[in-house]
Amino acid sequence: MSGDLLLRRRPVAADDFGTGYSSLSHVHRLPLDKIKIDRSFVADINHNPVSYKIVKSLTGLCDDMEIACVVEDVETRAQLDTLRRLGCHFIQGYYFAKPMPADAIDDHLTKESRRLEGTGAKVVA
């Protein structure tokens, strides 16, 4: 039974990592598949060296632990460029799209895929 349970394990993510109740002890104890870096570090990543270094450290930690690193609440091209230089591959935020009704998502993803064609970037839904 335990083998079946492992095969059906759902992905586990630590949301808003670095704030509140999330901590390094979760990385150590939980079977995490991804860490979502809290928006508070992204908001001033280009103006606050401490925020930059925290994001850089967390992306390095994720690489070392072989778990995905998702950066949330990216709102500007400057933030996106900095995050890409740091090696961030999973980035979400208003820079890409604002919340939308469920029936608009397919059309939006199709348009984004066409827009990104040939750039090396891809839409991950």
C-alpha atoms as a PDB file:
ATOM      1  CA  MET A   1       0.000   0.000   0.000  1.00  0.00           C
ATOM      2  CA  SER A   2       2.730   2.493   0.816  1.00  0.00           C
ATOM      3  CA  GLY A   3       4.257   2.012  -2.676  1.00  0.00           C
ATOM      4  CA  ASP A   4       0.891   2.844  -4.265  1.00  0.00           C
ATOM      5  CA  LEU A   5       0.630   5.897  -2.063  1.00  0.00           C
ATOM      6  CA  LEU A   6       4.056   7.124  -3.181  1.00  0.00           C
ATOM      7  CA  LEU A   7       3.118   6.725  -6.831  1.00  0.00           C
ATOM      8  CA  ARG A   8       0.032   8.860  -6.320  1.00  0.00           C
ATOM      9  CA  ARG A   9       1.691  11.561  -4.222  1.00  0.00           C
ATOM     10  CA  ARG A  10       0.614  15.001  -5.251  1.00  0.00           C
ATOM     11  CA  PRO A  11       3.064  17.861  -5.748  1.00  0.00           C
ATOM     12  CA  VAL A  12       3.888  19.797  -2.592  1.00  0.00           C
ATOM     13  CA  ALA A  13       4.810  23.483  -2.731  1.00  0.00           C
ATOM     14  CA  ALA A  14       5.910  25.943  -0.065  1.00  0.00           C
ATOM     15  CA  ASP A  15       4.036  29.139  -0.903  1.00  0.00           C
ATOM     16  CA  ASP A  16       5.211  32.639   0.104  1.00  0.00           C
ATOM     17  CA  PHE A  17       8.579  31.157   0.995  1.00  0.00           C
ATOM     18  CA  GLY A  18      10.722  33.276   3.259  1.00  0.00           C
ATOM     19  CA  THR A  19       7.855  34.870   5.175  1.00  0.00           C
ATOM     20  CA  GLY A  20       5.300  33.900   7.786  1.00  0.00           C
ATOM     21  CA  TYR A  21       5.311  30.242   8.708  1.00  0.00           C
ATOM     22  CA  SER A  22       7.471  29.016   5.836  1.00  0.00           C
ATOM     23  CA  SER A  23      11.044  28.243   6.788  1.00  0.00           C
ATOM     24  CA  LEU A  24      14.104  26.209   5.903  1.00  0.00           C
ATOM     25  CA  SER A  25      12.891  23.485   8.253  1.00  0.00           C
ATOM     26  CA  HIS A  26      10.100  22.807   5.739  1.00  0.00           C
ATOM     27  CA  VAL A  27      12.689  22.229   3.014  1.00  0.00           C
ATOM     28  CA  HIS A  28      14.434  19.792   5.302  1.00  0.00           C
ATOM     29  CA  ARG A  29      11.364  17.876   6.552  1.00  0.00           C
ATOM     30  CA  LEU A  30       8.758  17.999   3.781  1.00  0.00           C
ATOM     31  CA  PRO A  31       8.883  16.296   0.364  1.00  0.00           C
ATOM     32  CA  LEU A  32       8.704  19.616  -1.493  1.00  0.00           C
ATOM     33  CA  ASP A  33       8.494  19.764  -5.270  1.00  0.00           C
ATOM     34  CA  LYS A  34       8.678  23.538  -5.466  1.00  0.00           C
ATOM     35  CA  ILE A  35       9.205  26.725  -3.533  1.00  0.00           C
ATOM     36  CA  LYS A  36       7.303  29.877  -4.409  1.00  0.00           C
ATOM     37  CA  ILE A  37       9.376  32.938  -3.518  1.00  0.00           C
ATOM     38  CA  ASP A  38       7.283  35.559  -1.765  1.00  0.00           C
ATOM     39  CA  ARG A  39       6.440  38.761  -3.585  1.00  0.00           C
ATOM     40  CA  SER A  40       8.017  40.926  -0.886  1.00  0.00           C
ATOM     41  CA  PHE A  41      11.464  39.959  -2.194  1.00  0.00           C
ATOM     42  CA  VAL A  42      10.520  40.577  -5.818  1.00  0.00           C
ATOM     43  CA  ALA A  43       8.944  44.011  -5.379  1.00  0.00           C
ATOM     44  CA  ASP A  44      12.257  45.766  -4.779  1.00  0.00           C
ATOM     45  CA  ILE A  45      14.712  43.260  -6.238  1.00  0.00           C
ATOM     46  CA  ASN A  46      16.297  45.962  -8.426  1.00  0.00           C
ATOM     47  CA  HIS A  47      16.600  48.524  -5.627  1.00  0.00           C
ATOM     48  CA  ASN A  48      17.415  46.522  -2.514  1.00  0.00           C
ATOM     49  CA  PRO A  49      20.609  44.456  -2.509  1.00  0.00           C
ATOM     50  CA  VAL A  50      19.288  42.315   0.340  1.00  0.00           C
ATOM     51  CA  SER A  51      16.186  41.308  -1.669  1.00  0.00           C
ATOM     52  CA  TYR A  52      18.400  40.493  -4.648  1.00  0.00           C
ATOM     53  CA  LYS A  53      20.693  38.324  -2.530  1.00  0.00           C
ATOM     54  CA  ILE A  54      17.769  36.499  -0.907  1.00  0.00           C
ATOM     55  CA  VAL A  55      16.261  35.599  -4.286  1.00  0.00           C
ATOM     56  CA  LYS A  56      19.696  34.603  -5.594  1.00  0.00           C
ATOM     57  CA  SER A  57      20.226  32.361  -2.543  1.00  0.00           C
ATOM     58  CA  LEU A  58      16.794  30.767  -2.811  1.00  0.00           C
ATOM     59  CA  THR A  59      17.217  29.987  -6.498  1.00  0.00           C
ATOM     60  CA  GLY A  60      20.588  28.399  -5.659  1.00  0.00           C
ATOM     61  CA  LEU A  61      18.981  26.384  -2.860  1.00  0.00           C
ATOM     62  CA  CYS A  62      16.301  25.118  -5.234  1.00  0.00           C
ATOM     63  CA  ASP A  63      18.924  24.130  -7.799  1.00  0.00           C
ATOM     64  CA  ASP A  64      20.924  22.268  -5.149  1.00  0.00           C
ATOM     65  CA  MET A  65      17.816  20.531  -3.772  1.00  0.00           C
ATOM     66  CA  GLU A  66      16.553  19.757  -7.309  1.00  0.00           C
ATOM     67  CA  ILE A  67      13.171  21.365  -6.732  1.00  0.00           C
ATOM     68  CA  ALA A  68      11.388  23.956  -8.843  1.00  0.00           C
ATOM     69  CA  CYS A  69      11.579  27.604  -7.911  1.00  0.00           C
ATOM     70  CA  VAL A  70       8.570  29.772  -8.760  1.00  0.00           C
ATOM     71  CA  VAL A  71       8.838  33.537  -8.434  1.00  0.00           C
ATOM     72  CA  GLU A  72       5.502  35.249  -7.895  1.00  0.00           C
ATOM     73  CA  ASP A  73       4.105  38.725  -8.493  1.00  0.00           C
ATOM     74  CA  VAL A  74       6.460  39.933 -11.211  1.00  0.00           C
ATOM     75  CA  GLU A  75       5.073  43.221 -12.487  1.00  0.00           C
ATOM     76  CA  THR A  76       7.829  44.871 -14.548  1.00  0.00           C
ATOM     77  CA  ARG A  77      10.219  44.007 -17.367  1.00  0.00           C
ATOM     78  CA  ALA A  78      13.142  45.057 -15.135  1.00  0.00           C
ATOM     79  CA  GLN A  79      12.119  42.490 -12.502  1.00  0.00           C
ATOM     80  CA  LEU A  80      11.736  39.819 -15.177  1.00  0.00           C
ATOM     81  CA  ASP A  81      15.162  40.567 -16.659  1.00  0.00           C
ATOM     82  CA  THR A  82      16.831  40.382 -13.238  1.00  0.00           C
ATOM     83  CA  LEU A  83      15.092  37.110 -12.400  1.00  0.00           C
ATOM     84  CA  ARG A  84      16.110  35.571 -15.722  1.00  0.00           C
ATOM     85  CA  ARG A  85      19.739  36.586 -15.079  1.00  0.00           C
ATOM     86  CA  LEU A  86      19.464  34.788 -11.734  1.00  0.00           C
ATOM     87  CA  GLY A  87      18.356  31.637 -13.555  1.00  0.00           C
ATOM     88  CA  CYS A  88      14.665  31.721 -12.622  1.00  0.00           C
ATOM     89  CA  HIS A  89      12.618  29.606 -15.029  1.00  0.00           C
ATOM     90  CA  PHE A  90       9.119  29.712 -13.501  1.00  0.00           C
ATOM     91  CA  ILE A  91       7.843  33.255 -13.174  1.00  0.00           C
ATOM     92  CA  GLN A  92       4.295  34.468 -12.671  1.00  0.00           C
ATOM     93  CA  GLY A  93       2.654  37.818 -12.195  1.00  0.00           C
ATOM     94  CA  TYR A  94       0.758  40.732 -13.669  1.00  0.00           C
ATOM     95  CA  TYR A  95       3.601  41.344 -16.110  1.00  0.00           C
ATOM     96  CA  PHE A  96       2.236  38.367 -18.040  1.00  0.00           C
ATOM     97  CA  ALA A  97      -1.493  38.615 -17.344  1.00  0.00           C
ATOM     98  CA  LYS A  98      -4.049  39.846 -14.873  1.00  0.00           C
ATOM     99  CA  PRO A  99      -6.644  37.474 -13.419  1.00  0.00           C
ATOM    100  CA  MET A 100      -9.199  36.432 -16.023  1.00  0.00           C
ATOM    101  CA  PRO A 101     -12.313  34.289 -16.310  1.00  0.00           C
ATOM    102  CA  ALA A 102     -11.652  30.570 -16.827  1.00  0.00           C
ATOM    103  CA  ASP A 103     -13.176  30.613 -20.306  1.00  0.00           C
ATOM    104  CA  ALA A 104     -10.603  33.227 -21.452  1.00  0.00           C
ATOM    105  CA  ILE A 105      -7.516  31.237 -20.442  1.00  0.00           C
ATOM    106  CA  ASP A 106      -7.228  28.993 -23.519  1.00  0.00           C
ATOM    107  CA  ASP A 107      -7.412  31.960 -25.892  1.00  0.00           C
ATOM    108  CA  HIS A 108      -4.861  33.898 -23.843  1.00  0.00           C
ATOM    109  CA  LEU A 109      -2.399  30.966 -23.765  1.00  0.00           C
ATOM    110  CA  THR A 110      -2.755  30.457 -27.519  1.00  0.00           C
ATOM    111  CA  LYS A 111      -1.989  34.133 -28.184  1.00  0.00           C
ATOM    112  CA  GLU A 112       0.976  34.084 -25.783  1.00  0.00           C
ATOM    113  CA  SER A 113       2.404  30.951 -27.406  1.00  0.00           C
ATOM    114  CA  ARG A 114       2.232  32.646 -30.811  1.00  0.00           C
ATOM    115  CA  ARG A 115       3.782  35.832 -29.433  1.00  0.00           C
ATOM    116  CA  LEU A 116       6.669  33.897 -27.853  1.00  0.00           C
ATOM    117  CA  GLU A 117       7.309  31.666 -30.873  1.00  0.00           C
ATOM    118  CA  GLY A 118      10.979  31.718 -31.792  1.00  0.00           C
ATOM    119  CA  THR A 119      12.087  33.519 -28.620  1.00  0.00           C
ATOM    120  CA  GLY A 120      13.136  30.435 -26.669  1.00  0.00           C
ATOM    121  CA  ALA A 121      10.499  31.206 -24.024  1.00  0.00           C
ATOM    122  CA  LYS A 122       7.437  29.069 -23.522  1.00  0.00           C
ATOM    123  CA  VAL A 123       4.067  29.277 -21.829  1.00  0.00           C
ATOM    124  CA  VAL A 124       3.735  26.794 -18.995  1.00  0.00           C
ATOM    125  CA  ALA A 125       0.184  26.370 -17.753  1.00  0.00           C
END
